Amino acid sequence: MREELAESGKAQLHHVLPQTGWVSYYLSGEEDVVGALDLFEKNYDRLTARKSAGTAGRAGHRGAADISEVADPGKE
């Protein structure tokens, strides 16, 4: 997916770690928010498809409880 995004101009290879599967996407104005949200949606769809197939890997180890703890560390 990374190569597809970079070749289409929707993202760039990661600015610090280009050899990873990560990409960089720069926001220069409000009009760029739609593209950033599209990248989040693509990644969400990719991860949920992997989880459904039973191959979630590292990303699948975080459950909803873990995410809420990260989002609100003061929550009891």
N, C-alpha and C. Protein backbone atom coordinates (compact mmCIF):
# COMPACT_ATOMS: atom_id res chain seq x y z
N MET A 1 0.83 -1.19 0.00
CA MET A 1 0.00 0.00 0.00
C MET A 1 0.87 1.25 0.00
N ARG A 2 2.00 1.21 0.72
CA ARG A 2 2.88 2.37 0.82
C ARG A 2 3.34 2.84 -0.55
N GLU A 3 3.76 1.89 -1.38
CA GLU A 3 4.25 2.25 -2.71
C GLU A 3 3.14 2.86 -3.56
N GLU A 4 1.93 2.29 -3.42
CA GLU A 4 0.78 2.81 -4.16
C GLU A 4 0.48 4.25 -3.75
N LEU A 5 0.51 4.52 -2.46
CA LEU A 5 0.24 5.88 -1.97
C LEU A 5 1.32 6.86 -2.44
N ALA A 6 2.57 6.44 -2.38
CA ALA A 6 3.68 7.31 -2.80
C ALA A 6 3.63 7.57 -4.31
N GLU A 7 3.40 6.53 -5.09
CA GLU A 7 3.36 6.68 -6.55
C GLU A 7 2.20 7.55 -7.00
N SER A 8 1.08 7.48 -6.28
CA SER A 8 -0.09 8.28 -6.66
C SER A 8 -0.01 9.72 -6.14
N GLY A 9 0.98 9.99 -5.28
CA GLY A 9 1.12 11.33 -4.72
C GLY A 9 0.23 11.60 -3.52
N LYS A 10 -0.47 10.57 -3.03
CA LYS A 10 -1.36 10.75 -1.87
C LYS A 10 -0.57 10.84 -0.57
N ALA A 11 0.67 10.38 -0.57
CA ALA A 11 1.55 10.44 0.60
C ALA A 11 2.98 10.31 0.08
N GLN A 12 3.92 10.53 0.98
CA GLN A 12 5.33 10.39 0.64
C GLN A 12 5.93 9.32 1.53
N LEU A 13 7.03 8.73 1.06
CA LEU A 13 7.74 7.81 1.94
C LEU A 13 8.07 8.55 3.21
N HIS A 14 8.11 7.85 4.33
CA HIS A 14 8.32 8.49 5.62
C HIS A 14 9.58 9.35 5.58
N HIS A 15 9.48 10.57 6.10
CA HIS A 15 10.56 11.54 6.00
C HIS A 15 11.79 11.19 6.82
N VAL A 16 11.67 10.35 7.86
CA VAL A 16 12.82 9.96 8.67
C VAL A 16 13.20 8.50 8.42
N LEU A 17 12.20 7.65 8.27
CA LEU A 17 12.44 6.21 8.11
C LEU A 17 11.80 5.70 6.81
N PRO A 18 12.36 6.08 5.67
CA PRO A 18 11.74 5.71 4.40
C PRO A 18 11.76 4.21 4.11
N GLN A 19 12.61 3.45 4.79
CA GLN A 19 12.68 2.01 4.55
C GLN A 19 11.58 1.24 5.27
N THR A 20 10.83 1.91 6.14
CA THR A 20 9.73 1.26 6.85
C THR A 20 8.48 1.27 5.98
N GLY A 21 7.40 0.76 6.48
CA GLY A 21 6.12 0.79 5.78
C GLY A 21 5.35 2.07 6.04
N TRP A 22 5.95 3.00 6.75
CA TRP A 22 5.27 4.24 7.12
C TRP A 22 5.31 5.26 5.99
N VAL A 23 4.39 6.20 6.04
CA VAL A 23 4.37 7.30 5.08
C VAL A 23 4.28 8.62 5.83
N SER A 24 4.59 9.68 5.12
CA SER A 24 4.40 11.03 5.65
C SER A 24 3.33 11.70 4.81
N TYR A 25 2.51 12.49 5.48
CA TYR A 25 1.47 13.27 4.81
C TYR A 25 1.48 14.64 5.46
N TYR A 26 1.66 15.66 4.65
CA TYR A 26 1.80 17.01 5.19
C TYR A 26 0.50 17.79 5.04
N LEU A 27 0.14 18.47 6.12
CA LEU A 27 -1.04 19.34 6.13
C LEU A 27 -0.56 20.77 5.98
N SER A 28 -0.98 21.42 4.90
CA SER A 28 -0.62 22.82 4.73
C SER A 28 -1.84 23.73 4.81
N GLY A 29 -3.01 23.13 4.87
CA GLY A 29 -4.24 23.91 4.98
C GLY A 29 -5.42 22.99 5.25
N GLU A 30 -6.56 23.60 5.48
CA GLU A 30 -7.77 22.83 5.79
C GLU A 30 -8.12 21.84 4.68
N GLU A 31 -7.80 22.18 3.45
CA GLU A 31 -8.15 21.30 2.33
C GLU A 31 -7.41 19.97 2.39
N ASP A 32 -6.32 19.91 3.13
CA ASP A 32 -5.54 18.68 3.25
C ASP A 32 -6.09 17.70 4.29
N VAL A 33 -7.01 18.16 5.12
CA VAL A 33 -7.57 17.31 6.18
C VAL A 33 -8.30 16.11 5.58
N VAL A 34 -9.02 16.32 4.49
CA VAL A 34 -9.76 15.22 3.85
C VAL A 34 -8.80 14.11 3.44
N GLY A 35 -7.65 14.45 2.88
CA GLY A 35 -6.66 13.46 2.48
C GLY A 35 -6.10 12.71 3.68
N ALA A 36 -5.87 13.42 4.79
CA ALA A 36 -5.35 12.77 6.00
C ALA A 36 -6.39 11.79 6.55
N LEU A 37 -7.64 12.21 6.57
CA LEU A 37 -8.70 11.31 7.05
C LEU A 37 -8.83 10.09 6.15
N ASP A 38 -8.63 10.28 4.85
CA ASP A 38 -8.68 9.16 3.92
C ASP A 38 -7.57 8.15 4.24
N LEU A 39 -6.38 8.63 4.59
CA LEU A 39 -5.28 7.73 4.96
C LEU A 39 -5.62 6.96 6.23
N PHE A 40 -6.20 7.64 7.22
CA PHE A 40 -6.63 6.95 8.44
C PHE A 40 -7.66 5.86 8.12
N GLU A 41 -8.61 6.20 7.24
CA GLU A 41 -9.65 5.24 6.88
C GLU A 41 -9.06 4.03 6.16
N LYS A 42 -8.13 4.28 5.23
CA LYS A 42 -7.48 3.18 4.52
C LYS A 42 -6.75 2.25 5.50
N ASN A 43 -6.05 2.83 6.46
CA ASN A 43 -5.31 2.01 7.42
C ASN A 43 -6.28 1.25 8.33
N TYR A 44 -7.34 1.89 8.76
CA TYR A 44 -8.34 1.22 9.58
C TYR A 44 -8.93 0.03 8.83
N ASP A 45 -9.31 0.26 7.58
CA ASP A 45 -9.88 -0.82 6.77
C ASP A 45 -8.89 -1.96 6.60
N ARG A 46 -7.63 -1.62 6.38
CA ARG A 46 -6.59 -2.64 6.21
C ARG A 46 -6.43 -3.46 7.49
N LEU A 47 -6.39 -2.80 8.64
CA LEU A 47 -6.21 -3.50 9.90
C LEU A 47 -7.42 -4.35 10.28
N THR A 48 -8.60 -3.83 10.07
CA THR A 48 -9.79 -4.60 10.42
C THR A 48 -9.95 -5.80 9.49
N ALA A 49 -9.55 -5.66 8.23
CA ALA A 49 -9.60 -6.80 7.31
C ALA A 49 -8.62 -7.87 7.76
N ARG A 50 -7.43 -7.47 8.21
CA ARG A 50 -6.45 -8.43 8.71
C ARG A 50 -6.95 -9.11 9.98
N LYS A 51 -7.57 -8.33 10.85
CA LYS A 51 -8.08 -8.91 12.10
C LYS A 51 -9.18 -9.92 11.80
N SER A 52 -10.05 -9.59 10.86
CA SER A 52 -11.12 -10.51 10.48
C SER A 52 -10.56 -11.81 9.92
N ALA A 53 -9.42 -11.69 9.24
CA ALA A 53 -8.79 -12.88 8.66
C ALA A 53 -7.95 -13.63 9.69
N GLY A 54 -7.83 -13.07 10.90
CA GLY A 54 -7.07 -13.73 11.96
C GLY A 54 -5.58 -13.52 11.87
N THR A 55 -5.15 -12.48 11.14
CA THR A 55 -3.72 -12.20 10.99
C THR A 55 -3.40 -10.78 11.40
N ALA A 56 -3.92 -10.35 12.52
CA ALA A 56 -3.79 -8.95 12.93
C ALA A 56 -2.36 -8.56 13.25
N GLY A 57 -1.51 -9.46 13.65
CA GLY A 57 -0.13 -9.12 13.96
C GLY A 57 -0.04 -8.19 15.14
N ARG A 58 0.99 -7.36 15.17
CA ARG A 58 1.22 -6.46 16.30
C ARG A 58 0.06 -5.50 16.51
N ALA A 59 -0.51 -4.97 15.44
CA ALA A 59 -1.58 -3.98 15.58
C ALA A 59 -2.80 -4.57 16.26
N GLY A 60 -3.03 -5.86 16.13
CA GLY A 60 -4.20 -6.48 16.71
C GLY A 60 -4.09 -6.73 18.19
N HIS A 61 -2.93 -6.53 18.78
CA HIS A 61 -2.76 -6.79 20.20
C HIS A 61 -3.36 -5.72 21.09
N ARG A 62 -3.65 -4.58 20.57
CA ARG A 62 -4.25 -3.50 21.35
C ARG A 62 -5.76 -3.62 21.27
N GLY A 63 -6.39 -3.73 22.40
CA GLY A 63 -7.84 -3.79 22.45
C GLY A 63 -8.43 -2.42 22.74
N ALA A 64 -9.74 -2.32 22.75
CA ALA A 64 -10.40 -1.04 23.00
C ALA A 64 -10.03 -0.49 24.37
N ALA A 65 -9.88 -1.36 25.37
CA ALA A 65 -9.51 -0.88 26.72
C ALA A 65 -8.12 -0.26 26.69
N ASP A 66 -7.18 -0.86 25.94
CA ASP A 66 -5.84 -0.30 25.85
C ASP A 66 -5.87 1.07 25.19
N ILE A 67 -6.66 1.21 24.14
CA ILE A 67 -6.72 2.48 23.43
C ILE A 67 -7.31 3.56 24.32
N SER A 68 -8.36 3.25 25.08
CA SER A 68 -8.95 4.28 25.94
C SER A 68 -7.98 4.69 27.04
N GLU A 69 -7.15 3.75 27.50
CA GLU A 69 -6.16 4.12 28.52
C GLU A 69 -5.13 5.07 27.95
N VAL A 70 -4.76 4.88 26.69
CA VAL A 70 -3.80 5.78 26.06
C VAL A 70 -4.46 7.14 25.84
N ALA A 71 -5.73 7.13 25.42
CA ALA A 71 -6.43 8.38 25.14
C ALA A 71 -6.71 9.17 26.40
N ASP A 72 -6.94 8.49 27.52
CA ASP A 72 -7.26 9.15 28.77
C ASP A 72 -6.53 8.45 29.91
N PRO A 73 -5.21 8.73 30.07
CA PRO A 73 -4.44 8.02 31.08
C PRO A 73 -4.91 8.24 32.52
N GLY A 74 -5.66 9.30 32.78
CA GLY A 74 -6.13 9.58 34.12
C GLY A 74 -7.42 8.86 34.46
N LYS A 75 -7.99 8.17 33.49
CA LYS A 75 -9.26 7.46 33.70
C LYS A 75 -9.04 6.26 34.60
N GLU A 76 -9.88 6.09 35.57
CA GLU A 76 -9.78 4.95 36.51
C GLU A 76 -10.64 3.81 36.04
